Amino acid sequence: MTRATTAKTWLGLGLLGALATMAGATTAAAEAPRAEARAAFTSPWSAAASMSQVRAYHTATRLPTGNVLVTGGSGWGSVTASTETYNPNTNTWAATATMSQTRSNHTATLLSSGKVLVVGGQGAGTLASAELYNPSTNTWSATGSLATARRNHKAVVLSTGKVLVFGGFGATALKSAELYDPATGTWTATGSTSVVAGRTSLTRLPSGNVLAVNDDGVIGAAEVYNVSTGTWSTAAAAPAFLGHAAVLLNQGAVLVVGQEQGQYASGAWLFWPEDNEWEYTSYATEERRMGHSLTLLPSGKVLVARGTRNQIGGVTEVYDPQAFWQLYVVGNDQPTQGHTATRLINGKVLVVGGTSQEEPELYSSAELYTE
């Protein structure tokens, strides 16, 4: 398998240190587009129709029809139970049935049946409830509740069709995990982690097992959930990420991009599950990014979008495994978090809503990214 080769020696040194480290890199890698050249780009972004209301920390799920279901989220001083659906063919939004409870910082997971499982979140307190959306009938129905109420958790569909929910926050940062069985509508407790807790990423590996990476900016840790045994085991220690995002590449590695050690310095790391090994591959032009999204594109590249940077504006970056495993700039970007990024059937990426950091703002707007 083709592997990355860049060695990371510059943690905390910033852009100049990164460039010095890469002095021996190939010309093609060294000449990847930089932020100062971004004005010359044709923007990869185009405006899409706006939602009916502002939303942050909502969910967005691509349905089997290709439409995108957006649920809940925070508005100005309130949390909503409303939902709406984006039709990419007509570039329009339509109101859909309202959930039974207001929710933000929840999860929404597409099941093999075509239904959408919405779990937990923040409403009138931290929620344990779950509900199912049926796109065929535009209706919501109750299903089994979690044993432990949680918000800011993560969820992933396993190869068995069950849904693994892990981490998040209740009264404290949670290390527990629960499994949802769509056939029975019930939850069962499964193993707890040793270190990874609270805010994490959760990524299904090619083996079917699941990688959880810690995200408190203090403790660098990763653990793997074994689907066959229902237990967690310690993986190679990750950097102490803060505000990172993770996605599985076509090459079988997990790409993680984010700040490290709670500082501004950030870059791209790969976790190779077959070797249980972390590998640093690229510095980030947008060093201060956190709360961003990673979206796998049809080309196998990864879109790194949005995120706050303690500054106004920023850049959009793409990670390219076929171009020396590097991050490079492709256009301008907005400093928001709490947005969603959803790859459409046509290959474009729909980025919706969110909130800004500089002068607190909430957004109903949507944009489309095109490779």
Protein backbone atom coordinates (compact mmCIF):
# COMPACT_ATOMS: atom_id res chain seq x y z
CA MET A 1 0.00 0.00 0.00
CA THR A 2 1.31 3.48 -0.85
CA ARG A 3 2.28 5.30 2.31
CA ALA A 4 2.99 8.92 3.19
CA THR A 5 6.62 9.75 3.95
CA THR A 6 6.73 13.24 5.51
CA ALA A 7 8.20 13.33 9.00
CA LYS A 8 6.76 15.78 11.53
CA THR A 9 9.42 17.70 13.43
CA TRP A 10 7.93 21.16 13.82
CA LEU A 11 5.04 20.99 16.30
CA GLY A 12 4.29 24.57 17.37
CA LEU A 13 6.73 26.18 14.94
CA GLY A 14 4.04 27.37 12.54
CA LEU A 15 4.27 27.95 8.82
CA LEU A 16 7.96 28.92 8.63
CA GLY A 17 9.04 25.87 10.59
CA ALA A 18 6.89 23.65 8.40
CA LEU A 19 8.42 25.05 5.22
CA ALA A 20 11.90 24.51 6.60
CA THR A 21 11.06 20.94 7.52
CA MET A 22 9.85 20.29 3.97
CA ALA A 23 12.92 21.75 2.27
CA GLY A 24 13.70 18.39 0.74
CA ALA A 25 10.19 17.73 -0.51
CA THR A 26 9.47 17.31 -4.19
CA THR A 27 8.86 20.40 -6.31
CA ALA A 28 5.24 19.45 -6.90
CA ALA A 29 4.56 19.24 -3.18
CA ALA A 30 6.48 22.41 -2.41
CA GLU A 31 4.58 24.33 -5.05
CA ALA A 32 1.11 23.44 -3.74
CA PRO A 33 -1.08 26.59 -3.69
CA ARG A 34 -0.61 28.85 -0.67
CA ALA A 35 -2.88 31.36 1.07
CA GLU A 36 -1.21 34.37 -0.52
CA ALA A 37 -2.24 33.10 -3.95
CA ARG A 38 -5.89 32.53 -3.07
CA ALA A 39 -7.07 35.71 -4.83
CA ALA A 40 -6.12 34.10 -8.15
CA PHE A 41 -8.47 31.15 -7.65
CA THR A 42 -11.81 30.74 -9.31
CA SER A 43 -13.96 30.16 -6.27
CA PRO A 44 -15.10 26.55 -5.82
CA TRP A 45 -18.06 27.85 -3.80
CA SER A 46 -21.48 28.87 -5.09
CA ALA A 47 -24.54 30.04 -3.20
CA ALA A 48 -27.40 27.63 -2.58
CA ALA A 49 -30.88 28.48 -1.33
CA SER A 50 -31.05 29.36 2.37
CA MET A 51 -32.90 27.39 5.00
CA SER A 52 -36.11 28.74 6.50
CA GLN A 53 -34.34 29.63 9.76
CA VAL A 54 -30.91 29.92 11.35
CA ARG A 55 -29.41 26.72 12.71
CA ALA A 56 -26.18 25.68 14.41
CA TYR A 57 -25.25 22.29 15.85
CA HIS A 58 -28.00 20.70 13.77
CA THR A 59 -27.68 17.52 11.70
CA ALA A 60 -27.80 16.92 7.94
CA THR A 61 -28.41 13.46 6.47
CA ARG A 62 -28.48 12.50 2.80
CA LEU A 63 -31.57 10.39 2.15
CA PRO A 64 -31.81 7.55 -0.40
CA THR A 65 -33.65 9.96 -2.74
CA GLY A 66 -30.62 12.27 -2.76
CA ASN A 67 -32.41 14.94 -0.75
CA VAL A 68 -30.83 16.16 2.51
CA LEU A 69 -32.76 16.11 5.79
CA VAL A 70 -31.74 18.83 8.28
CA THR A 71 -32.96 18.44 11.87
CA GLY A 72 -33.02 20.64 14.94
CA GLY A 73 -30.21 22.93 15.99
CA SER A 74 -29.77 26.10 18.00
CA GLY A 75 -31.19 29.49 17.09
CA TRP A 76 -31.13 32.82 18.89
CA GLY A 77 -31.61 31.79 22.52
CA SER A 78 -33.60 28.68 21.66
CA VAL A 79 -33.36 25.13 20.37
CA THR A 80 -35.71 23.93 17.64
CA ALA A 81 -37.55 20.69 16.87
CA SER A 82 -38.23 21.73 13.27
CA THR A 83 -36.80 19.95 10.24
CA GLU A 84 -36.50 20.72 6.54
CA THR A 85 -35.29 18.98 3.41
CA TYR A 86 -33.03 20.28 0.63
CA ASN A 87 -33.69 19.15 -2.94
CA PRO A 88 -30.47 19.49 -4.99
CA ASN A 89 -32.34 19.10 -8.27
CA THR A 90 -34.41 22.23 -7.67
CA ASN A 91 -32.16 24.04 -5.16
CA THR A 92 -35.12 24.44 -2.81
CA TRP A 93 -35.97 23.69 0.80
CA ALA A 94 -39.26 22.22 2.02
CA ALA A 95 -40.55 21.98 5.57
CA THR A 96 -40.81 18.43 6.89
CA ALA A 97 -42.46 16.96 9.96
CA THR A 98 -41.36 18.29 13.35
CA MET A 99 -39.53 16.10 15.85
CA SER A 100 -41.15 15.27 19.17
CA GLN A 101 -38.47 17.21 21.09
CA THR A 102 -36.20 20.19 20.54
CA ARG A 103 -32.62 19.05 19.93
CA SER A 104 -29.15 20.41 19.21
CA ASN A 105 -25.79 18.64 19.45
CA HIS A 106 -27.60 15.40 18.65
CA THR A 107 -26.84 12.74 16.04
CA ALA A 108 -28.80 11.61 12.98
CA THR A 109 -27.91 8.30 11.32
CA LEU A 110 -29.26 6.78 8.11
CA LEU A 111 -30.33 3.15 8.64
CA SER A 112 -30.39 0.42 6.00
CA SER A 113 -34.19 0.69 5.98
CA GLY A 114 -33.93 4.27 4.71
CA LYS A 115 -35.19 5.65 8.01
CA VAL A 116 -33.16 8.18 10.02
CA LEU A 117 -32.34 7.57 13.68
CA VAL A 118 -32.06 10.77 15.76
CA VAL A 119 -30.48 10.35 19.19
CA GLY A 120 -29.99 12.44 22.32
CA GLY A 121 -28.72 16.00 22.26
CA GLN A 122 -29.54 19.15 24.18
CA GLY A 123 -33.15 20.24 24.53
CA ALA A 124 -34.90 20.76 27.81
CA GLY A 125 -31.76 19.37 29.43
CA THR A 126 -29.56 16.59 28.11
CA LEU A 127 -31.69 14.00 26.31
CA ALA A 128 -31.77 10.20 26.34
CA SER A 129 -34.68 9.91 23.92
CA ALA A 130 -34.45 8.76 20.30
CA GLU A 131 -36.86 8.91 17.38
CA LEU A 132 -37.12 7.63 13.82
CA TYR A 133 -37.92 9.63 10.69
CA ASN A 134 -39.64 7.82 7.81
CA PRO A 135 -39.04 9.75 4.55
CA SER A 136 -41.73 7.75 2.76
CA THR A 137 -44.48 9.00 5.06
CA ASN A 138 -42.82 12.20 6.38
CA THR A 139 -43.49 11.07 9.96
CA TRP A 140 -41.57 10.67 13.19
CA SER A 141 -42.05 7.79 15.61
CA ALA A 142 -40.62 7.09 19.05
CA THR A 143 -38.07 4.33 19.55
CA GLY A 144 -36.08 3.07 22.52
CA SER A 145 -34.20 5.55 24.71
CA LEU A 146 -30.53 5.53 25.64
CA ALA A 147 -29.57 4.23 29.07
CA THR A 148 -27.46 7.39 29.53
CA ALA A 149 -28.57 10.82 28.36
CA ARG A 150 -25.88 12.48 26.24
CA ARG A 151 -25.09 15.45 24.01
CA ASN A 152 -22.12 16.12 21.69
CA HIS A 153 -21.76 12.38 21.24
CA LYS A 154 -20.94 10.50 18.03
CA ALA A 155 -22.77 7.73 16.17
CA VAL A 156 -21.74 5.31 13.42
CA VAL A 157 -23.49 2.47 11.60
CA LEU A 158 -21.73 -0.87 11.99
CA SER A 159 -21.47 -3.60 9.36
CA THR A 160 -24.14 -5.48 11.32
CA GLY A 161 -26.62 -2.66 10.71
CA LYS A 162 -26.61 -1.72 14.37
CA VAL A 163 -25.69 1.82 15.45
CA LEU A 164 -22.85 2.49 17.89
CA VAL A 165 -23.26 5.65 20.00
CA PHE A 166 -20.26 6.75 22.03
CA GLY A 167 -19.01 9.50 24.31
CA GLY A 168 -20.43 12.97 24.62
CA PHE A 169 -21.42 14.68 27.82
CA GLY A 170 -23.99 14.10 30.53
CA ALA A 171 -23.13 15.41 33.96
CA THR A 172 -19.51 14.60 33.04
CA ALA A 173 -17.52 13.54 29.98
CA LEU A 174 -18.74 10.06 29.07
CA LYS A 175 -16.66 6.96 28.26
CA SER A 176 -19.66 4.68 27.79
CA ALA A 177 -21.05 3.28 24.53
CA GLU A 178 -24.44 1.87 23.57
CA LEU A 179 -25.69 -0.19 20.62
CA TYR A 180 -29.02 0.37 18.89
CA ASP A 181 -30.68 -2.58 17.16
CA PRO A 182 -33.06 -1.36 14.41
CA ALA A 183 -34.77 -4.76 14.37
CA THR A 184 -35.97 -4.42 17.98
CA GLY A 185 -35.75 -0.67 18.55
CA THR A 186 -33.76 -1.27 21.73
CA TRP A 187 -30.38 -0.22 23.16
CA THR A 188 -27.81 -2.34 24.95
CA ALA A 189 -24.72 -1.20 26.83
CA THR A 190 -21.41 -2.16 25.26
CA GLY A 191 -17.85 -1.66 26.47
CA SER A 192 -16.48 1.60 27.84
CA THR A 193 -13.18 3.23 26.93
CA SER A 194 -10.27 3.63 29.33
CA VAL A 195 -9.18 7.18 28.43
CA VAL A 196 -11.03 8.61 25.42
CA ALA A 197 -14.09 10.52 26.62
CA GLY A 198 -16.45 13.41 25.98
CA ARG A 199 -15.72 15.20 22.71
CA THR A 200 -14.25 12.76 20.19
CA SER A 201 -14.31 11.65 16.59
CA LEU A 202 -15.68 8.23 15.67
CA THR A 203 -14.68 6.49 12.43
CA ARG A 204 -15.54 3.04 11.10
CA LEU A 205 -12.42 1.23 9.88
CA PRO A 206 -12.14 -1.12 6.87
CA SER A 207 -12.13 -4.07 9.30
CA GLY A 208 -15.55 -2.98 10.61
CA ASN A 209 -14.07 -1.95 13.94
CA VAL A 210 -14.36 1.69 15.07
CA LEU A 211 -11.68 4.25 15.97
CA ALA A 212 -12.38 6.87 18.66
CA VAL A 213 -9.92 9.79 19.00
CA ASN A 214 -9.82 12.11 22.01
CA ASP A 215 -10.35 15.86 21.47
CA ASP A 216 -9.77 17.83 24.67
CA GLY A 217 -6.44 19.37 23.63
CA VAL A 218 -4.76 17.89 26.69
CA ILE A 219 -4.72 14.10 26.49
CA GLY A 220 -3.58 12.44 23.28
CA ALA A 221 -5.41 9.12 23.10
CA ALA A 222 -7.17 6.78 20.70
CA GLU A 223 -9.05 3.53 21.25
CA VAL A 224 -10.59 0.93 18.95
CA TYR A 225 -13.98 -0.74 19.40
CA ASN A 226 -14.03 -4.41 18.41
CA VAL A 227 -17.40 -5.20 16.87
CA SER A 228 -17.05 -8.94 17.46
CA THR A 229 -16.30 -8.72 21.18
CA GLY A 230 -18.00 -5.45 22.10
CA THR A 231 -14.83 -4.25 23.84
CA TRP A 232 -12.42 -1.32 23.50
CA SER A 233 -8.64 -1.56 23.27
CA THR A 234 -5.95 1.11 23.39
CA ALA A 235 -4.56 2.21 20.02
CA ALA A 236 -1.29 4.02 19.38
CA ALA A 237 -1.33 7.36 21.18
CA ALA A 238 -2.67 10.19 19.04
CA PRO A 239 -1.58 13.84 19.24
CA ALA A 240 -3.57 15.85 21.79
CA PHE A 241 -6.05 17.18 19.26
CA LEU A 242 -8.43 20.08 19.87
CA GLY A 243 -11.40 20.68 17.58
CA HIS A 244 -10.30 18.03 15.08
CA ALA A 245 -12.29 16.12 12.47
CA ALA A 246 -11.64 12.66 11.01
CA VAL A 247 -12.58 10.76 7.85
CA LEU A 248 -11.68 7.39 6.32
CA LEU A 249 -9.65 7.62 3.10
CA ASN A 250 -9.97 5.22 0.18
CA GLN A 251 -6.45 4.03 1.01
CA GLY A 252 -7.72 2.60 4.33
CA ALA A 253 -6.11 5.20 6.61
CA VAL A 254 -8.02 7.64 8.81
CA LEU A 255 -7.22 11.30 8.09
CA VAL A 256 -7.32 13.59 11.12
CA VAL A 257 -6.94 17.37 10.77
CA GLY A 258 -7.00 19.81 13.67
CA GLN A 259 -5.15 21.83 16.24
CA GLU A 260 -2.73 20.07 18.54
CA GLN A 261 -1.98 20.57 22.22
CA GLY A 262 -4.54 23.38 22.36
CA GLN A 263 -2.18 25.62 20.38
CA TYR A 264 -2.55 27.26 16.99
CA ALA A 265 -0.27 24.80 15.18
CA SER A 266 -2.25 22.24 13.19
CA GLY A 267 -1.74 19.78 10.40
CA ALA A 268 -2.80 16.48 8.87
CA TRP A 269 -2.20 13.11 10.47
CA LEU A 270 -2.95 9.59 9.25
CA PHE A 271 -3.83 6.60 11.43
CA TRP A 272 -2.95 3.32 9.71
CA PRO A 273 -5.10 0.68 11.44
CA GLU A 274 -3.23 -2.35 10.06
CA ASP A 275 -0.01 -1.05 11.63
CA ASN A 276 -1.57 0.73 14.62
CA GLU A 277 0.53 3.74 13.70
CA TRP A 278 0.11 7.53 13.46
CA GLU A 279 1.93 9.40 10.72
CA TYR A 280 2.23 13.14 10.20
CA THR A 281 1.94 14.10 6.51
CA SER A 282 1.27 17.83 6.01
CA TYR A 283 1.15 21.17 7.72
CA ALA A 284 -2.02 23.25 7.31
CA THR A 285 -1.94 26.66 5.65
CA GLU A 286 -4.94 27.50 7.85
CA GLU A 287 -3.11 26.86 11.12
CA ARG A 288 -5.82 28.00 13.51
CA ARG A 289 -8.67 25.88 12.21
CA MET A 290 -10.90 23.99 14.65
CA GLY A 291 -14.54 22.92 14.56
CA HIS A 292 -14.23 22.31 10.81
CA SER A 293 -15.56 19.45 8.68
CA LEU A 294 -13.85 16.82 6.53
CA THR A 295 -15.72 15.45 3.51
CA LEU A 296 -14.47 12.70 1.22
CA LEU A 297 -14.87 13.83 -2.40
CA PRO A 298 -15.55 11.60 -5.44
CA SER A 299 -11.90 12.02 -6.50
CA GLY A 300 -10.66 10.56 -3.20
CA LYS A 301 -9.49 13.99 -2.06
CA VAL A 302 -10.87 15.48 1.18
CA LEU A 303 -12.51 18.87 1.56
CA VAL A 304 -11.43 20.73 4.73
CA ALA A 305 -14.05 23.42 5.25
CA ARG A 306 -15.07 26.11 7.70
CA GLY A 307 -13.91 26.07 11.33
CA THR A 308 -13.01 29.01 13.58
CA ARG A 309 -9.56 30.58 13.44
CA ASN A 310 -9.56 33.59 15.80
CA GLN A 311 -9.55 35.75 12.69
CA ILE A 312 -11.97 37.00 10.09
CA GLY A 313 -12.15 34.84 7.01
CA GLY A 314 -9.80 32.06 6.04
CA VAL A 315 -9.12 29.51 3.35
CA THR A 316 -10.62 26.28 2.10
CA GLU A 317 -8.11 23.45 1.89
CA VAL A 318 -8.09 20.08 0.16
CA TYR A 319 -6.11 17.04 1.27
CA ASP A 320 -4.84 14.99 -1.65
CA PRO A 321 -3.44 11.48 -1.02
CA GLN A 322 -2.36 11.30 -4.66
CA ALA A 323 -0.32 14.52 -4.49
CA PHE A 324 2.25 13.68 -1.85
CA TRP A 325 -0.36 13.44 0.94
CA GLN A 326 -0.54 17.23 1.22
CA LEU A 327 -3.02 19.91 2.22
CA TYR A 328 -3.30 22.83 -0.19
CA VAL A 329 -5.46 25.92 -0.62
CA VAL A 330 -8.32 25.94 -3.15
CA GLY A 331 -10.21 29.12 -2.23
CA ASN A 332 -11.58 31.37 0.48
CA ASP A 333 -13.71 30.18 3.39
CA GLN A 334 -15.82 31.43 6.29
CA PRO A 335 -14.90 31.16 10.01
CA THR A 336 -17.87 29.15 11.26
CA GLN A 337 -18.46 26.05 13.34
CA GLY A 338 -21.58 24.09 14.20
CA HIS A 339 -22.29 23.76 10.45
CA THR A 340 -22.87 20.56 8.48
CA ALA A 341 -21.18 19.38 5.28
CA THR A 342 -22.95 16.72 3.18
CA ARG A 343 -21.76 15.17 -0.06
CA LEU A 344 -24.57 15.07 -2.59
CA ILE A 345 -25.19 12.37 -5.20
CA ASN A 346 -23.82 14.74 -7.87
CA GLY A 347 -20.52 14.96 -5.97
CA LYS A 348 -20.98 18.52 -4.75
CA VAL A 349 -20.81 19.27 -1.02
CA LEU A 350 -23.66 21.13 0.67
CA VAL A 351 -22.48 23.24 3.63
CA VAL A 352 -25.29 24.58 5.79
CA GLY A 353 -25.73 26.93 8.74
CA GLY A 354 -23.43 27.28 11.72
CA THR A 355 -22.24 30.06 13.99
CA SER A 356 -19.30 32.45 13.83
CA GLN A 357 -16.73 33.24 16.48
CA GLU A 358 -15.75 36.86 15.93
CA GLU A 359 -19.04 38.69 16.30
CA PRO A 360 -21.48 35.95 17.35
CA GLU A 361 -23.77 35.25 14.44
CA LEU A 362 -26.05 32.43 13.36
CA TYR A 363 -26.66 31.44 9.75
CA SER A 364 -29.45 30.04 7.63
CA SER A 365 -27.35 30.23 4.47
CA ALA A 366 -26.06 27.33 2.42
CA GLU A 367 -23.25 26.95 -0.09
CA LEU A 368 -22.17 24.31 -2.58
CA TYR A 369 -18.56 23.22 -3.07
CA THR A 370 -17.63 21.86 -6.49
CA GLU A 371 -14.36 20.09 -7.25
